[in-house]
Amino acid sequence: MGWRLGCEGLFRLAKSVTPRMLERGRGSLLVTSATAAVRGNQGQHAHAAAMGGRRMLCQSLAHELGPRGVHVCHFIVDGAVDAPDTLGRMLGAERFARLRAELGDAGRLLQPAHVAESYLHVASQRRSVWTNEMDLRPHGETPWYNSQSML
C-alpha cells in the first residue's frame, strides 16, 4: 500500500498535471518526501521503499521534463512539523503538546510557514539554477550519525 501511495500516486499525478505545464513551457512539480528516501530504518521497510522509489521517480521526471521547462524538486522533510491538524491528530493532543514543549522552544520543530517559504523559493527559481532536491531540517537536530563534531 505504501508503494502505491508513494510512487504510483506521484506517477499518476505527474501524468495528469504535467501535460498542461508542457503546453505552457513552464511549471513546477514539488514533491514532499522523508529521510527514508535516502536511508532505511528498522521497521520501516515499506515506507523506505516507497520514499526511495519516489525520489528516483523525481530524478527521472526532472531529467525528462526539465529540458522542456518543468521544474521537478524532491523535498526531504526531516523532522517533526508543527502541524496540529496532521501530526497533532496522529499523536493526540497530549503527546503533541509535549512534543511542542520539548522541541518548539529549542527550534527543533519545523514551522509550516518556514517550510512553505522554502517551497516558494524553489518554485520561483530561474532555470539556470534549479534545485532538484532539498533537505529541510531543524537547526537543532540530533544527527543520525555520531554527534561528535567533525571540525
C-alpha atoms as a PDB file:
ATOM      1  CA  MET A   1       0.000   0.000   0.000  1.00  0.00           C
ATOM      2  CA  GLY A   2       2.835   2.421   0.819  1.00  0.00           C
ATOM      3  CA  TRP A   3       4.336   1.989  -2.625  1.00  0.00           C
ATOM      4  CA  ARG A   4       1.004   2.717  -4.307  1.00  0.00           C
ATOM      5  CA  LEU A   5       0.646   5.978  -2.423  1.00  0.00           C
ATOM      6  CA  GLY A   6       4.308   6.985  -2.526  1.00  0.00           C
ATOM      7  CA  CYS A   7       5.218   6.053  -6.077  1.00  0.00           C
ATOM      8  CA  GLU A   8       2.184   5.195  -8.133  1.00  0.00           C
ATOM      9  CA  GLY A   9       0.307   8.182  -6.715  1.00  0.00           C
ATOM     10  CA  LEU A  10       3.101  10.531  -7.755  1.00  0.00           C
ATOM     11  CA  PHE A  11       3.337   8.881 -11.163  1.00  0.00           C
ATOM     12  CA  ARG A  12      -0.388   9.357 -11.764  1.00  0.00           C
ATOM     13  CA  LEU A  13      -0.270  12.941 -10.504  1.00  0.00           C
ATOM     14  CA  ALA A  14       2.647  13.787 -12.793  1.00  0.00           C
ATOM     15  CA  LYS A  15       0.896  12.148 -15.728  1.00  0.00           C
ATOM     16  CA  SER A  16      -2.199  14.249 -15.018  1.00  0.00           C
ATOM     17  CA  VAL A  17      -0.695  17.685 -14.385  1.00  0.00           C
ATOM     18  CA  THR A  18       2.463  17.878 -16.467  1.00  0.00           C
ATOM     19  CA  PRO A  19       0.867  17.865 -19.944  1.00  0.00           C
ATOM     20  CA  ARG A  20      -0.587  21.323 -19.265  1.00  0.00           C
ATOM     21  CA  MET A  21       2.764  22.512 -17.886  1.00  0.00           C
ATOM     22  CA  LEU A  22       4.488  21.223 -21.003  1.00  0.00           C
ATOM     23  CA  GLU A  23       1.979  23.082 -23.205  1.00  0.00           C
ATOM     24  CA  ARG A  24       2.829  26.303 -21.345  1.00  0.00           C
ATOM     25  CA  GLY A  25       6.548  25.542 -21.356  1.00  0.00           C
ATOM     26  CA  ARG A  26       6.795  26.068 -17.600  1.00  0.00           C
ATOM     27  CA  GLY A  27       5.620  24.730 -14.288  1.00  0.00           C
ATOM     28  CA  SER A  28       6.807  23.180 -11.040  1.00  0.00           C
ATOM     29  CA  LEU A  29       6.230  19.765  -9.547  1.00  0.00           C
ATOM     30  CA  LEU A  30       7.299  19.973  -5.887  1.00  0.00           C
ATOM     31  CA  VAL A  31       7.280  16.609  -4.137  1.00  0.00           C
ATOM     32  CA  THR A  32       7.446  16.056  -0.373  1.00  0.00           C
ATOM     33  CA  SER A  33       9.292  13.044   0.927  1.00  0.00           C
ATOM     34  CA  ALA A  34      11.190  11.917   4.012  1.00  0.00           C
ATOM     35  CA  THR A  35      14.656  10.842   5.104  1.00  0.00           C
ATOM     36  CA  ALA A  36      13.557   7.285   4.356  1.00  0.00           C
ATOM     37  CA  ALA A  37      14.116   8.216   0.683  1.00  0.00           C
ATOM     38  CA  VAL A  38      17.877   8.084   1.270  1.00  0.00           C
ATOM     39  CA  ARG A  39      18.243   5.600   4.138  1.00  0.00           C
ATOM     40  CA  GLY A  40      16.071   2.935   5.670  1.00  0.00           C
ATOM     41  CA  ASN A  41      15.364   2.321   9.325  1.00  0.00           C
ATOM     42  CA  GLN A  42      14.378  -0.762  11.262  1.00  0.00           C
ATOM     43  CA  GLY A  43      10.668  -1.490  10.925  1.00  0.00           C
ATOM     44  CA  GLN A  44      10.153   0.956   8.043  1.00  0.00           C
ATOM     45  CA  HIS A  45      10.602  -1.358   5.075  1.00  0.00           C
ATOM     46  CA  ALA A  46       7.510  -0.312   3.159  1.00  0.00           C
ATOM     47  CA  HIS A  47       7.968   3.404   3.915  1.00  0.00           C
ATOM     48  CA  ALA A  48      11.644   3.367   2.878  1.00  0.00           C
ATOM     49  CA  ALA A  49      10.848   1.511  -0.338  1.00  0.00           C
ATOM     50  CA  ALA A  50       8.052   3.948  -1.190  1.00  0.00           C
ATOM     51  CA  MET A  51      10.110   7.066  -0.429  1.00  0.00           C
ATOM     52  CA  GLY A  52      13.173   5.701  -2.232  1.00  0.00           C
ATOM     53  CA  GLY A  53      11.022   4.995  -5.272  1.00  0.00           C
ATOM     54  CA  ARG A  54       9.506   8.466  -5.052  1.00  0.00           C
ATOM     55  CA  ARG A  55      12.987  10.006  -5.027  1.00  0.00           C
ATOM     56  CA  MET A  56      14.078   8.018  -8.087  1.00  0.00           C
ATOM     57  CA  LEU A  57      10.866   8.915  -9.889  1.00  0.00           C
ATOM     58  CA  CYS A  58      11.532  12.609  -9.173  1.00  0.00           C
ATOM     59  CA  GLN A  59      15.035  12.301 -10.598  1.00  0.00           C
ATOM     60  CA  SER A  60      13.716  10.644 -13.746  1.00  0.00           C
ATOM     61  CA  LEU A  61      10.943  13.219 -14.117  1.00  0.00           C
ATOM     62  CA  ALA A  62      13.444  16.058 -13.638  1.00  0.00           C
ATOM     63  CA  HIS A  63      15.620  14.700 -16.467  1.00  0.00           C
ATOM     64  CA  GLU A  64      12.648  14.147 -18.750  1.00  0.00           C
ATOM     65  CA  LEU A  65      10.658  17.300 -18.037  1.00  0.00           C
ATOM     66  CA  GLY A  66      13.335  19.818 -17.057  1.00  0.00           C
ATOM     67  CA  PRO A  67      14.629  20.461 -20.585  1.00  0.00           C
ATOM     68  CA  ARG A  68      11.018  21.154 -21.569  1.00  0.00           C
ATOM     69  CA  GLY A  69      10.507  23.803 -18.865  1.00  0.00           C
ATOM     70  CA  VAL A  70       9.016  21.831 -15.969  1.00  0.00           C
ATOM     71  CA  HIS A  71      10.936  22.133 -12.708  1.00  0.00           C
ATOM     72  CA  VAL A  72      10.814  18.995 -10.526  1.00  0.00           C
ATOM     73  CA  CYS A  73      12.131  19.128  -6.970  1.00  0.00           C
ATOM     74  CA  HIS A  74      12.168  16.388  -4.338  1.00  0.00           C
ATOM     75  CA  PHE A  75      11.939  17.767  -0.771  1.00  0.00           C
ATOM     76  CA  ILE A  76      13.200  15.654   2.107  1.00  0.00           C
ATOM     77  CA  VAL A  77      11.400  16.920   5.193  1.00  0.00           C
ATOM     78  CA  ASP A  78      13.484  15.519   8.032  1.00  0.00           C
ATOM     79  CA  GLY A  79      11.817  16.490  11.262  1.00  0.00           C
ATOM     80  CA  ALA A  80       8.532  16.987  13.016  1.00  0.00           C
ATOM     81  CA  VAL A  81       6.352  19.738  11.562  1.00  0.00           C
ATOM     82  CA  ASP A  82       4.339  21.902  13.963  1.00  0.00           C
ATOM     83  CA  ALA A  83       1.031  20.925  12.378  1.00  0.00           C
ATOM     84  CA  PRO A  84      -1.859  20.327  14.797  1.00  0.00           C
ATOM     85  CA  ASP A  85      -4.170  19.156  12.011  1.00  0.00           C
ATOM     86  CA  THR A  86      -1.823  16.373  10.898  1.00  0.00           C
ATOM     87  CA  LEU A  87       0.893  15.465  13.403  1.00  0.00           C
ATOM     88  CA  GLY A  88      -1.333  16.646  16.260  1.00  0.00           C
ATOM     89  CA  ARG A  89      -4.110  14.292  15.219  1.00  0.00           C
ATOM     90  CA  MET A  90      -1.696  11.403  14.736  1.00  0.00           C
ATOM     91  CA  LEU A  91      -0.111  11.853  18.166  1.00  0.00           C
ATOM     92  CA  GLY A  92      -3.132  13.077  20.077  1.00  0.00           C
ATOM     93  CA  ALA A  93      -3.424  16.406  21.852  1.00  0.00           C
ATOM     94  CA  GLU A  94      -1.424  15.479  24.947  1.00  0.00           C
ATOM     95  CA  ARG A  95       1.557  13.932  23.134  1.00  0.00           C
ATOM     96  CA  PHE A  96       1.573  16.755  20.579  1.00  0.00           C
ATOM     97  CA  ALA A  97       1.628  19.360  23.370  1.00  0.00           C
ATOM     98  CA  ARG A  98       4.620  17.574  24.957  1.00  0.00           C
ATOM     99  CA  LEU A  99       6.393  17.459  21.590  1.00  0.00           C
ATOM    100  CA  ARG A 100       5.788  21.171  21.069  1.00  0.00           C
ATOM    101  CA  ALA A 101       7.092  21.966  24.550  1.00  0.00           C
ATOM    102  CA  GLU A 102      10.193  19.825  24.091  1.00  0.00           C
ATOM    103  CA  LEU A 103      11.146  20.729  20.531  1.00  0.00           C
ATOM    104  CA  GLY A 104       9.444  24.033  19.793  1.00  0.00           C
ATOM    105  CA  ASP A 105      11.373  26.227  22.196  1.00  0.00           C
ATOM    106  CA  ALA A 106      14.650  24.663  21.080  1.00  0.00           C
ATOM    107  CA  GLY A 107      13.917  25.487  17.428  1.00  0.00           C
ATOM    108  CA  ARG A 108      13.750  21.781  16.584  1.00  0.00           C
ATOM    109  CA  LEU A 109      10.147  21.770  15.373  1.00  0.00           C
ATOM    110  CA  LEU A 110       9.719  22.740  11.725  1.00  0.00           C
ATOM    111  CA  GLN A 111       7.333  25.665  11.285  1.00  0.00           C
ATOM    112  CA  PRO A 112       4.831  25.273   8.406  1.00  0.00           C
ATOM    113  CA  ALA A 113       5.268  28.879   7.232  1.00  0.00           C
ATOM    114  CA  HIS A 114       9.032  28.390   7.024  1.00  0.00           C
ATOM    115  CA  VAL A 115       8.620  25.144   5.107  1.00  0.00           C
ATOM    116  CA  ALA A 116       6.278  26.964   2.710  1.00  0.00           C
ATOM    117  CA  GLU A 117       8.879  29.708   2.190  1.00  0.00           C
ATOM    118  CA  SER A 118      11.364  27.069   1.040  1.00  0.00           C
ATOM    119  CA  TYR A 119       8.860  25.615  -1.428  1.00  0.00           C
ATOM    120  CA  LEU A 120       8.044  29.087  -2.768  1.00  0.00           C
ATOM    121  CA  HIS A 121      11.740  29.877  -3.157  1.00  0.00           C
ATOM    122  CA  VAL A 122      12.299  26.705  -5.203  1.00  0.00           C
ATOM    123  CA  ALA A 123       9.183  27.309  -7.319  1.00  0.00           C
ATOM    124  CA  SER A 124      10.457  30.825  -8.090  1.00  0.00           C
ATOM    125  CA  GLN A 125      13.978  29.855  -9.158  1.00  0.00           C
ATOM    126  CA  ARG A 126      15.420  30.796 -12.515  1.00  0.00           C
ATOM    127  CA  ARG A 127      16.048  27.899 -14.879  1.00  0.00           C
ATOM    128  CA  SER A 128      19.810  28.389 -14.719  1.00  0.00           C
ATOM    129  CA  VAL A 129      19.842  27.480 -11.012  1.00  0.00           C
ATOM    130  CA  TRP A 130      17.082  24.950 -10.435  1.00  0.00           C
ATOM    131  CA  THR A 131      17.220  22.894  -7.260  1.00  0.00           C
ATOM    132  CA  ASN A 132      16.243  19.276  -7.870  1.00  0.00           C
ATOM    133  CA  GLU A 133      16.482  18.083  -4.263  1.00  0.00           C
ATOM    134  CA  MET A 134      16.352  19.920  -0.951  1.00  0.00           C
ATOM    135  CA  ASP A 135      16.609  18.733   2.638  1.00  0.00           C
ATOM    136  CA  LEU A 136      14.646  20.674   5.240  1.00  0.00           C
ATOM    137  CA  ARG A 137      15.847  20.064   8.801  1.00  0.00           C
ATOM    138  CA  PRO A 138      15.639  21.973  12.057  1.00  0.00           C
ATOM    139  CA  HIS A 139      18.886  23.610  13.129  1.00  0.00           C
ATOM    140  CA  GLY A 140      18.918  21.845  16.479  1.00  0.00           C
ATOM    141  CA  GLU A 141      18.546  18.318  15.144  1.00  0.00           C
ATOM    142  CA  THR A 142      20.424  15.401  16.609  1.00  0.00           C
ATOM    143  CA  PRO A 143      22.203  13.840  13.631  1.00  0.00           C
ATOM    144  CA  TRP A 144      21.569  10.169  12.943  1.00  0.00           C
ATOM    145  CA  TYR A 145      25.332   9.651  12.842  1.00  0.00           C
ATOM    146  CA  ASN A 146      27.706  10.236  15.745  1.00  0.00           C
ATOM    147  CA  SER A 147      27.016  13.615  17.321  1.00  0.00           C
ATOM    148  CA  GLN A 148      30.762  14.348  17.646  1.00  0.00           C
ATOM    149  CA  SER A 149      31.838  17.488  15.832  1.00  0.00           C
ATOM    150  CA  MET A 150      33.609  16.872  12.549  1.00  0.00           C
ATOM    151  CA  LEU A 151      35.695  20.045  12.924  1.00  0.00           C
END
